[in-house]
Amino acid sequence: LLDLHTTADQLVPVEQENAFARRVARSGDGGLLRQAY
């Protein structure tokens, strides 16, 4: 999964990607995730 996000998102704050990445890492699947901004 590759997630793209704008850095100044007023409706879905880019900070959501931080929470998501931590959860994916805890599951052991961090190698499948990439995020770009």
PDB file of all heavy atoms in Angstrom:
ATOM      1  N   LEU A   1       0.842  -1.187   0.000  1.00  0.00           N
ATOM      2  CA  LEU A   1       0.000   0.000   0.000  1.00  0.00           C
ATOM      3  C   LEU A   1       0.882   1.244   0.000  1.00  0.00           C
ATOM      4  O   LEU A   1       1.780   1.369   0.839  1.00  0.00           O
ATOM      5  CB  LEU A   1      -0.899  -0.001   1.239  1.00  0.00           C
ATOM      6  CG  LEU A   1      -1.648   1.288   1.581  1.00  0.00           C
ATOM      7  CD1 LEU A   1      -2.653   1.649   0.496  1.00  0.00           C
ATOM      8  CD2 LEU A   1      -2.355   1.162   2.935  1.00  0.00           C
ATOM      9  N   LEU A   2       0.615   2.160  -0.925  1.00  0.00           N
ATOM     10  CA  LEU A   2       1.243   3.483  -0.943  1.00  0.00           C
ATOM     11  C   LEU A   2       0.170   4.516  -0.661  1.00  0.00           C
ATOM     12  O   LEU A   2      -0.828   4.589  -1.378  1.00  0.00           O
ATOM     13  CB  LEU A   2       1.888   3.766  -2.307  1.00  0.00           C
ATOM     14  CG  LEU A   2       2.375   5.211  -2.538  1.00  0.00           C
ATOM     15  CD1 LEU A   2       3.461   5.603  -1.549  1.00  0.00           C
ATOM     16  CD2 LEU A   2       2.862   5.390  -3.980  1.00  0.00           C
ATOM     17  N   ASP A   3       0.374   5.315   0.393  1.00  0.00           N
ATOM     18  CA  ASP A   3      -0.541   6.409   0.722  1.00  0.00           C
ATOM     19  C   ASP A   3       0.080   7.734   0.290  1.00  0.00           C
ATOM     20  O   ASP A   3       1.247   8.003   0.609  1.00  0.00           O
ATOM     21  CB  ASP A   3      -0.797   6.461   2.231  1.00  0.00           C
ATOM     22  CG  ASP A   3      -1.929   5.554   2.679  1.00  0.00           C
ATOM     23  OD1 ASP A   3      -2.646   5.020   1.814  1.00  0.00           O
ATOM     24  OD2 ASP A   3      -2.096   5.382   3.896  1.00  0.00           O
ATOM     25  N   LEU A   4      -0.703   8.563  -0.397  1.00  0.00           N
ATOM     26  CA  LEU A   4      -0.311   9.931  -0.712  1.00  0.00           C
ATOM     27  C   LEU A   4      -1.172  10.886   0.103  1.00  0.00           C
ATOM     28  O   LEU A   4      -2.371  10.659   0.266  1.00  0.00           O
ATOM     29  CB  LEU A   4      -0.515  10.241  -2.204  1.00  0.00           C
ATOM     30  CG  LEU A   4       0.146   9.335  -3.237  1.00  0.00           C
ATOM     31  CD1 LEU A   4      -0.089   9.886  -4.643  1.00  0.00           C
ATOM     32  CD2 LEU A   4       1.626   9.163  -2.960  1.00  0.00           C
ATOM     33  N   HIS A   5      -0.562  11.974   0.592  1.00  0.00           N
ATOM     34  CA  HIS A   5      -1.316  12.935   1.405  1.00  0.00           C
ATOM     35  C   HIS A   5      -0.738  14.328   1.188  1.00  0.00           C
ATOM     36  O   HIS A   5       0.480  14.484   1.086  1.00  0.00           O
ATOM     37  CB  HIS A   5      -1.221  12.573   2.891  1.00  0.00           C
ATOM     38  CG  HIS A   5      -2.501  12.723   3.632  1.00  0.00           C
ATOM     39  ND1 HIS A   5      -3.197  11.672   4.190  1.00  0.00           N
ATOM     40  CD2 HIS A   5      -3.264  13.817   3.902  1.00  0.00           C
ATOM     41  CE1 HIS A   5      -4.296  12.093   4.773  1.00  0.00           C
ATOM     42  NE2 HIS A   5      -4.360  13.413   4.614  1.00  0.00           N
ATOM     43  N   THR A   6      -1.608  15.339   1.112  1.00  0.00           N
ATOM     44  CA  THR A   6      -1.133  16.710   1.122  1.00  0.00           C
ATOM     45  C   THR A   6      -0.722  17.088   2.546  1.00  0.00           C
ATOM     46  O   THR A   6      -1.284  16.581   3.522  1.00  0.00           O
ATOM     47  CB  THR A   6      -2.210  17.683   0.609  1.00  0.00           C
ATOM     48  OG1 THR A   6      -3.421  17.476   1.341  1.00  0.00           O
ATOM     49  CG2 THR A   6      -2.470  17.484  -0.869  1.00  0.00           C
ATOM     50  N   THR A   7       0.244  18.004   2.660  1.00  0.00           N
ATOM     51  CA  THR A   7       0.777  18.334   3.976  1.00  0.00           C
ATOM     52  C   THR A   7      -0.131  19.260   4.772  1.00  0.00           C
ATOM     53  O   THR A   7       0.028  19.378   5.986  1.00  0.00           O
ATOM     54  CB  THR A   7       2.166  18.979   3.846  1.00  0.00           C
ATOM     55  OG1 THR A   7       2.068  20.141   3.001  1.00  0.00           O
ATOM     56  CG2 THR A   7       3.164  17.995   3.251  1.00  0.00           C
ATOM     57  N   ALA A   8      -1.062  19.942   4.112  1.00  0.00           N
ATOM     58  CA  ALA A   8      -1.978  20.855   4.812  1.00  0.00           C
ATOM     59  C   ALA A   8      -3.409  20.488   4.444  1.00  0.00           C
ATOM     60  O   ALA A   8      -4.094  21.206   3.713  1.00  0.00           O
ATOM     61  CB  ALA A   8      -1.687  22.310   4.461  1.00  0.00           C
ATOM     62  N   ASP A   9      -3.847  19.353   4.952  1.00  0.00           N
ATOM     63  CA  ASP A   9      -5.173  18.804   4.674  1.00  0.00           C
ATOM     64  C   ASP A   9      -6.115  19.223   5.796  1.00  0.00           C
ATOM     65  O   ASP A   9      -5.937  18.836   6.953  1.00  0.00           O
ATOM     66  CB  ASP A   9      -5.083  17.280   4.585  1.00  0.00           C
ATOM     67  CG  ASP A   9      -6.370  16.614   4.129  1.00  0.00           C
ATOM     68  OD1 ASP A   9      -7.461  17.169   4.394  1.00  0.00           O
ATOM     69  OD2 ASP A   9      -6.298  15.537   3.523  1.00  0.00           O
ATOM     70  N   GLN A  10      -7.147  19.987   5.448  1.00  0.00           N
ATOM     71  CA  GLN A  10      -8.028  20.551   6.464  1.00  0.00           C
ATOM     72  C   GLN A  10      -9.094  19.574   6.951  1.00  0.00           C
ATOM     73  O   GLN A  10      -9.670  19.771   8.026  1.00  0.00           O
ATOM     74  CB  GLN A  10      -8.697  21.833   5.942  1.00  0.00           C
ATOM     75  CG  GLN A  10      -9.904  21.631   5.031  1.00  0.00           C
ATOM     76  CD  GLN A  10      -9.572  21.267   3.590  1.00  0.00           C
ATOM     77  OE1 GLN A  10      -8.489  20.783   3.285  1.00  0.00           O
ATOM     78  NE2 GLN A  10     -10.526  21.515   2.702  1.00  0.00           N
ATOM     79  N   LEU A  11      -9.393  18.539   6.184  1.00  0.00           N
ATOM     80  CA  LEU A  11     -10.470  17.617   6.536  1.00  0.00           C
ATOM     81  C   LEU A  11      -9.963  16.289   7.088  1.00  0.00           C
ATOM     82  O   LEU A  11     -10.538  15.736   8.030  1.00  0.00           O
ATOM     83  CB  LEU A  11     -11.376  17.361   5.323  1.00  0.00           C
ATOM     84  CG  LEU A  11     -12.159  18.563   4.806  1.00  0.00           C
ATOM     85  CD1 LEU A  11     -13.062  18.140   3.658  1.00  0.00           C
ATOM     86  CD2 LEU A  11     -12.983  19.206   5.920  1.00  0.00           C
ATOM     87  N   VAL A  12      -8.927  15.746   6.483  1.00  0.00           N
ATOM     88  CA  VAL A  12      -8.290  14.528   6.981  1.00  0.00           C
ATOM     89  C   VAL A  12      -6.839  14.897   7.275  1.00  0.00           C
ATOM     90  O   VAL A  12      -5.982  14.813   6.403  1.00  0.00           O
ATOM     91  CB  VAL A  12      -8.380  13.375   5.964  1.00  0.00           C
ATOM     92  CG1 VAL A  12      -7.689  12.129   6.523  1.00  0.00           C
ATOM     93  CG2 VAL A  12      -9.829  13.060   5.633  1.00  0.00           C
ATOM     94  N   PRO A  13      -6.553  15.367   8.486  1.00  0.00           N
ATOM     95  CA  PRO A  13      -5.208  15.865   8.780  1.00  0.00           C
ATOM     96  C   PRO A  13      -4.124  14.860   8.422  1.00  0.00           C
ATOM     97  O   PRO A  13      -4.284  13.651   8.621  1.00  0.00           O
ATOM     98  CB  PRO A  13      -5.255  16.120  10.295  1.00  0.00           C
ATOM     99  CG  PRO A  13      -6.707  16.331  10.600  1.00  0.00           C
ATOM    100  CD  PRO A  13      -7.449  15.446   9.656  1.00  0.00           C
ATOM    101  N   VAL A  14      -3.020  15.375   7.905  1.00  0.00           N
ATOM    102  CA  VAL A  14      -1.914  14.507   7.498  1.00  0.00           C
ATOM    103  C   VAL A  14      -1.392  13.702   8.680  1.00  0.00           C
ATOM    104  O   VAL A  14      -0.818  12.616   8.492  1.00  0.00           O
ATOM    105  CB  VAL A  14      -0.795  15.353   6.854  1.00  0.00           C
ATOM    106  CG1 VAL A  14      -0.125  16.258   7.877  1.00  0.00           C
ATOM    107  CG2 VAL A  14       0.219  14.474   6.128  1.00  0.00           C
ATOM    108  N   GLU A  15      -1.646  14.165   9.899  1.00  0.00           N
ATOM    109  CA  GLU A  15      -1.250  13.422  11.095  1.00  0.00           C
ATOM    110  C   GLU A  15      -1.878  12.030  11.154  1.00  0.00           C
ATOM    111  O   GLU A  15      -1.357  11.144  11.843  1.00  0.00           O
ATOM    112  CB  GLU A  15      -1.625  14.213  12.355  1.00  0.00           C
ATOM    113  CG  GLU A  15      -0.767  15.436  12.609  1.00  0.00           C
ATOM    114  CD  GLU A  15      -1.279  16.700  11.938  1.00  0.00           C
ATOM    115  OE1 GLU A  15      -2.129  16.592  11.009  1.00  0.00           O
ATOM    116  OE2 GLU A  15      -0.836  17.804  12.322  1.00  0.00           O
ATOM    117  N   GLN A  16      -2.979  11.821  10.432  1.00  0.00           N
ATOM    118  CA  GLN A  16      -3.573  10.482  10.412  1.00  0.00           C
ATOM    119  C   GLN A  16      -2.589   9.445   9.878  1.00  0.00           C
ATOM    120  O   GLN A  16      -2.620   8.277  10.277  1.00  0.00           O
ATOM    121  CB  GLN A  16      -4.857  10.485   9.574  1.00  0.00           C
ATOM    122  CG  GLN A  16      -6.019  11.189  10.232  1.00  0.00           C
ATOM    123  CD  GLN A  16      -7.353  10.549   9.891  1.00  0.00           C
ATOM    124  OE1 GLN A  16      -7.434   9.443   9.356  1.00  0.00           O
ATOM    125  NE2 GLN A  16      -8.435  11.227  10.224  1.00  0.00           N
ATOM    126  N   GLU A  17      -1.715   9.857   8.962  1.00  0.00           N
ATOM    127  CA  GLU A  17      -0.742   8.912   8.411  1.00  0.00           C
ATOM    128  C   GLU A  17       0.232   8.436   9.484  1.00  0.00           C
ATOM    129  O   GLU A  17       0.716   7.299   9.447  1.00  0.00           O
ATOM    130  CB  GLU A  17       0.018   9.557   7.253  1.00  0.00           C
ATOM    131  CG  GLU A  17      -0.852   9.946   6.055  1.00  0.00           C
ATOM    132  CD  GLU A  17      -1.381   8.759   5.274  1.00  0.00           C
ATOM    133  OE1 GLU A  17      -0.923   7.611   5.503  1.00  0.00           O
ATOM    134  OE2 GLU A  17      -2.268   8.984   4.405  1.00  0.00           O
ATOM    135  N   ASN A  18       0.534   9.294  10.451  1.00  0.00           N
ATOM    136  CA  ASN A  18       1.406   8.909  11.554  1.00  0.00           C
ATOM    137  C   ASN A  18       0.762   7.797  12.377  1.00  0.00           C
ATOM    138  O   ASN A  18       1.384   6.767  12.665  1.00  0.00           O
ATOM    139  CB  ASN A  18       1.690  10.145  12.422  1.00  0.00           C
ATOM    140  CG  ASN A  18       2.603   9.880  13.599  1.00  0.00           C
ATOM    141  OD1 ASN A  18       2.337   9.009  14.426  1.00  0.00           O
ATOM    142  ND2 ASN A  18       3.684  10.644  13.699  1.00  0.00           N
ATOM    143  N   ALA A  19      -0.506   8.001  12.742  1.00  0.00           N
ATOM    144  CA  ALA A  19      -1.212   6.982  13.531  1.00  0.00           C
ATOM    145  C   ALA A  19      -1.316   5.673  12.761  1.00  0.00           C
ATOM    146  O   ALA A  19      -1.124   4.583  13.327  1.00  0.00           O
ATOM    147  CB  ALA A  19      -2.602   7.500  13.906  1.00  0.00           C
ATOM    148  N   PHE A  20      -1.614   5.762  11.476  1.00  0.00           N
ATOM    149  CA  PHE A  20      -1.770   4.560  10.655  1.00  0.00           C
ATOM    150  C   PHE A  20      -0.446   3.799  10.547  1.00  0.00           C
ATOM    151  O   PHE A  20      -0.406   2.567  10.695  1.00  0.00           O
ATOM    152  CB  PHE A  20      -2.275   4.959   9.278  1.00  0.00           C
ATOM    153  CG  PHE A  20      -2.548   3.804   8.356  1.00  0.00           C
ATOM    154  CD1 PHE A  20      -3.543   2.892   8.638  1.00  0.00           C
ATOM    155  CD2 PHE A  20      -1.815   3.641   7.190  1.00  0.00           C
ATOM    156  CE1 PHE A  20      -3.809   1.829   7.779  1.00  0.00           C
ATOM    157  CE2 PHE A  20      -2.074   2.594   6.323  1.00  0.00           C
ATOM    158  CZ  PHE A  20      -3.068   1.684   6.622  1.00  0.00           C
ATOM    159  N   ALA A  21       0.638   4.513  10.300  1.00  0.00           N
ATOM    160  CA  ALA A  21       1.936   3.852  10.146  1.00  0.00           C
ATOM    161  C   ALA A  21       2.343   3.121  11.414  1.00  0.00           C
ATOM    162  O   ALA A  21       2.892   2.011  11.362  1.00  0.00           O
ATOM    163  CB  ALA A  21       3.001   4.877   9.762  1.00  0.00           C
ATOM    164  N   ARG A  22       2.072   3.722  12.571  1.00  0.00           N
ATOM    165  CA  ARG A  22       2.413   3.059  13.830  1.00  0.00           C
ATOM    166  C   ARG A  22       1.608   1.774  14.013  1.00  0.00           C
ATOM    167  O   ARG A  22       2.120   0.765  14.509  1.00  0.00           O
ATOM    168  CB  ARG A  22       2.206   4.018  15.007  1.00  0.00           C
ATOM    169  CG  ARG A  22       3.254   5.121  15.079  1.00  0.00           C
ATOM    170  CD  ARG A  22       3.158   5.967  16.327  1.00  0.00           C
ATOM    171  NE  ARG A  22       1.980   6.821  16.322  1.00  0.00           N
ATOM    172  CZ  ARG A  22       0.936   6.681  17.122  1.00  0.00           C
ATOM    173  NH1 ARG A  22       0.899   5.694  18.001  1.00  0.00           N
ATOM    174  NH2 ARG A  22      -0.090   7.512  17.068  1.00  0.00           N
ATOM    175  N   ARG A  23       0.354   1.803  13.609  1.00  0.00           N
ATOM    176  CA  ARG A  23      -0.482   0.602  13.755  1.00  0.00           C
ATOM    177  C   ARG A  23      -0.033  -0.505  12.791  1.00  0.00           C
ATOM    178  O   ARG A  23       0.009  -1.683  13.162  1.00  0.00           O
ATOM    179  CB  ARG A  23      -1.942   0.970  13.525  1.00  0.00           C
ATOM    180  CG  ARG A  23      -2.490   1.856  14.642  1.00  0.00           C
ATOM    181  CD  ARG A  23      -3.825   2.475  14.309  1.00  0.00           C
ATOM    182  NE  ARG A  23      -4.203   3.430  15.346  1.00  0.00           N
ATOM    183  CZ  ARG A  23      -5.236   4.245  15.274  1.00  0.00           C
ATOM    184  NH1 ARG A  23      -6.020   4.222  14.212  1.00  0.00           N
ATOM    185  NH2 ARG A  23      -5.498   5.079  16.258  1.00  0.00           N
ATOM    186  N   VAL A  24       0.297  -0.115  11.561  1.00  0.00           N
ATOM    187  CA  VAL A  24       0.780  -1.117  10.609  1.00  0.00           C
ATOM    188  C   VAL A  24       2.105  -1.704  11.092  1.00  0.00           C
ATOM    189  O   VAL A  24       2.330  -2.920  10.997  1.00  0.00           O
ATOM    190  CB  VAL A  24       0.924  -0.491   9.206  1.00  0.00           C
ATOM    191  CG1 VAL A  24       1.604  -1.473   8.251  1.00  0.00           C
ATOM    192  CG2 VAL A  24      -0.444  -0.095   8.650  1.00  0.00           C
ATOM    193  N   ALA A  25       2.988  -0.855  11.616  1.00  0.00           N
ATOM    194  CA  ALA A  25       4.267  -1.352  12.130  1.00  0.00           C
ATOM    195  C   ALA A  25       4.052  -2.330  13.276  1.00  0.00           C
ATOM    196  O   ALA A  25       4.736  -3.361  13.359  1.00  0.00           O
ATOM    197  CB  ALA A  25       5.143  -0.184  12.572  1.00  0.00           C
ATOM    198  N   ARG A  26       3.097  -2.020  14.157  1.00  0.00           N
ATOM    199  CA  ARG A  26       2.832  -2.929  15.286  1.00  0.00           C
ATOM    200  C   ARG A  26       2.330  -4.288  14.817  1.00  0.00           C
ATOM    201  O   ARG A  26       2.528  -5.293  15.493  1.00  0.00           O
ATOM    202  CB  ARG A  26       1.817  -2.297  16.252  1.00  0.00           C
ATOM    203  CG  ARG A  26       2.391  -1.184  17.117  1.00  0.00           C
ATOM    204  CD  ARG A  26       1.536  -0.926  18.353  1.00  0.00           C
ATOM    205  NE  ARG A  26       0.191  -0.482  18.026  1.00  0.00           N
ATOM    206  CZ  ARG A  26      -0.179   0.795  17.956  1.00  0.00           C
ATOM    207  NH1 ARG A  26       0.716   1.751  18.169  1.00  0.00           N
ATOM    208  NH2 ARG A  26      -1.422   1.119  17.688  1.00  0.00           N
ATOM    209  N   SER A  27       1.673  -4.310  13.665  1.00  0.00           N
ATOM    210  CA  SER A  27       1.171  -5.580  13.135  1.00  0.00           C
ATOM    211  C   SER A  27       2.276  -6.409  12.495  1.00  0.00           C
ATOM    212  O   SER A  27       2.057  -7.580  12.162  1.00  0.00           O
ATOM    213  CB  SER A  27       0.069  -5.323  12.099  1.00  0.00           C
ATOM    214  OG  SER A  27       0.630  -4.916  10.862  1.00  0.00           O
ATOM    215  N   GLY A  28       3.442  -5.801  12.283  1.00  0.00           N
ATOM    216  CA  GLY A  28       4.542  -6.497  11.624  1.00  0.00           C
ATOM    217  C   GLY A  28       4.563  -6.332  10.122  1.00  0.00           C
ATOM    218  O   GLY A  28       5.392  -6.956   9.448  1.00  0.00           O
ATOM    219  N   ASP A  29       3.669  -5.470   9.572  1.00  0.00           N
ATOM    220  CA  ASP A  29       3.566  -5.332   8.123  1.00  0.00           C
ATOM    221  C   ASP A  29       4.108  -3.998   7.608  1.00  0.00           C
ATOM    222  O   ASP A  29       3.764  -3.559   6.510  1.00  0.00           O
ATOM    223  CB  ASP A  29       2.098  -5.478   7.690  1.00  0.00           C
ATOM    224  CG  ASP A  29       1.580  -6.889   7.878  1.00  0.00           C
ATOM    225  OD1 ASP A  29       2.382  -7.828   7.772  1.00  0.00           O
ATOM    226  OD2 ASP A  29       0.367  -7.046   8.134  1.00  0.00           O
ATOM    227  N   GLY A  30       4.968  -3.351   8.394  1.00  0.00           N
ATOM    228  CA  GLY A  30       5.489  -2.051   7.988  1.00  0.00           C
ATOM    229  C   GLY A  30       6.216  -2.072   6.660  1.00  0.00           C
ATOM    230  O   GLY A  30       6.236  -1.064   5.947  1.00  0.00           O
ATOM    231  N   GLY A  31       6.800  -3.204   6.285  1.00  0.00           N
ATOM    232  CA  GLY A  31       7.508  -3.292   5.018  1.00  0.00           C
ATOM    233  C   GLY A  31       6.614  -3.172   3.805  1.00  0.00           C
ATOM    234  O   GLY A  31       7.098  -2.860   2.708  1.00  0.00           O
ATOM    235  N   LEU A  32       5.312  -3.417   3.984  1.00  0.00           N
ATOM    236  CA  LEU A  32       4.377  -3.309   2.857  1.00  0.00           C
ATOM    237  C   LEU A  32       3.874  -1.887   2.647  1.00  0.00           C
ATOM    238  O   LEU A  32       3.306  -1.586   1.595  1.00  0.00           O
ATOM    239  CB  LEU A  32       3.178  -4.232   3.084  1.00  0.00           C
ATOM    240  CG  LEU A  32       3.442  -5.730   2.975  1.00  0.00           C
ATOM    241  CD1 LEU A  32       2.218  -6.522   3.440  1.00  0.00           C
ATOM    242  CD2 LEU A  32       3.804  -6.112   1.540  1.00  0.00           C
ATOM    243  N   LEU A  33       4.059  -1.022   3.636  1.00  0.00           N
ATOM    244  CA  LEU A  33       3.507   0.327   3.580  1.00  0.00           C
ATOM    245  C   LEU A  33       4.566   1.349   3.195  1.00  0.00           C
ATOM    246  O   LEU A  33       5.675   1.345   3.722  1.00  0.00           O
ATOM    247  CB  LEU A  33       2.930   0.714   4.948  1.00  0.00           C
ATOM    248  CG  LEU A  33       2.373   2.137   5.076  1.00  0.00           C
ATOM    249  CD1 LEU A  33       1.143   2.330   4.194  1.00  0.00           C
ATOM    250  CD2 LEU A  33       2.053   2.462   6.535  1.00  0.00           C
ATOM    251  N   ARG A  34       4.196   2.236   2.277  1.00  0.00           N
ATOM    252  CA  ARG A  34       4.975   3.430   1.979  1.00  0.00           C
ATOM    253  C   ARG A  34       4.032   4.625   1.996  1.00  0.00           C
ATOM    254  O   ARG A  34       2.849   4.500   1.646  1.00  0.00           O
ATOM    255  CB  ARG A  34       5.674   3.336   0.631  1.00  0.00           C
ATOM    256  CG  ARG A  34       6.769   2.299   0.561  1.00  0.00           C
ATOM    257  CD  ARG A  34       7.941   2.665   1.462  1.00  0.00           C
ATOM    258  NE  ARG A  34       9.051   1.715   1.350  1.00  0.00           N
ATOM    259  CZ  ARG A  34       9.171   0.610   2.066  1.00  0.00           C
ATOM    260  NH1 ARG A  34       8.238   0.288   2.946  1.00  0.00           N
ATOM    261  NH2 ARG A  34      10.217  -0.174   1.913  1.00  0.00           N
ATOM    262  N   GLN A  35       4.546   5.772   2.414  1.00  0.00           N
ATOM    263  CA  GLN A  35       3.752   6.997   2.485  1.00  0.00           C
ATOM    264  C   GLN A  35       4.543   8.119   1.834  1.00  0.00           C
ATOM    265  O   GLN A  35       5.757   8.227   2.031  1.00  0.00           O
ATOM    266  CB  GLN A  35       3.422   7.334   3.944  1.00  0.00           C
ATOM    267  CG  GLN A  35       2.507   6.312   4.607  1.00  0.00           C
ATOM    268  CD  GLN A  35       2.518   6.396   6.119  1.00  0.00           C
ATOM    269  OE1 GLN A  35       3.576   6.268   6.750  1.00  0.00           O
ATOM    270  NE2 GLN A  35       1.357   6.613   6.729  1.00  0.00           N
ATOM    271  N   ALA A  36       3.871   8.944   1.047  1.00  0.00           N
ATOM    272  CA  ALA A  36       4.528  10.053   0.352  1.00  0.00           C
ATOM    273  C   ALA A  36       3.642  11.285   0.467  1.00  0.00           C
ATOM    274  O   ALA A  36       2.413  11.182   0.578  1.00  0.00           O
ATOM    275  CB  ALA A  36       4.784   9.693  -1.109  1.00  0.00           C
ATOM    276  N   TYR A  37       4.278  12.446   0.386  1.00  0.00           N
ATOM    277  CA  TYR A  37       3.586  13.688   0.735  1.00  0.00           C
ATOM    278  C   TYR A  37       3.775  14.746  -0.339  1.00  0.00           C
ATOM    279  O   TYR A  37       4.847  14.854  -0.952  1.00  0.00           O
ATOM    280  CB  TYR A  37       4.083  14.182   2.095  1.00  0.00           C
ATOM    281  CG  TYR A  37       3.859  13.133   3.156  1.00  0.00           C
ATOM    282  CD1 TYR A  37       4.879  12.247   3.510  1.00  0.00           C
ATOM    283  CD2 TYR A  37       2.604  12.970   3.735  1.00  0.00           C
ATOM    284  CE1 TYR A  37       4.657  11.250   4.450  1.00  0.00           C
ATOM    285  CE2 TYR A  37       2.376  11.972   4.671  1.00  0.00           C
ATOM    286  CZ  TYR A  37       3.407  11.113   5.033  1.00  0.00           C
ATOM    287  OH  TYR A  37       3.162  10.116   5.940  1.00  0.00           O
TER     288      TYR A  37
END
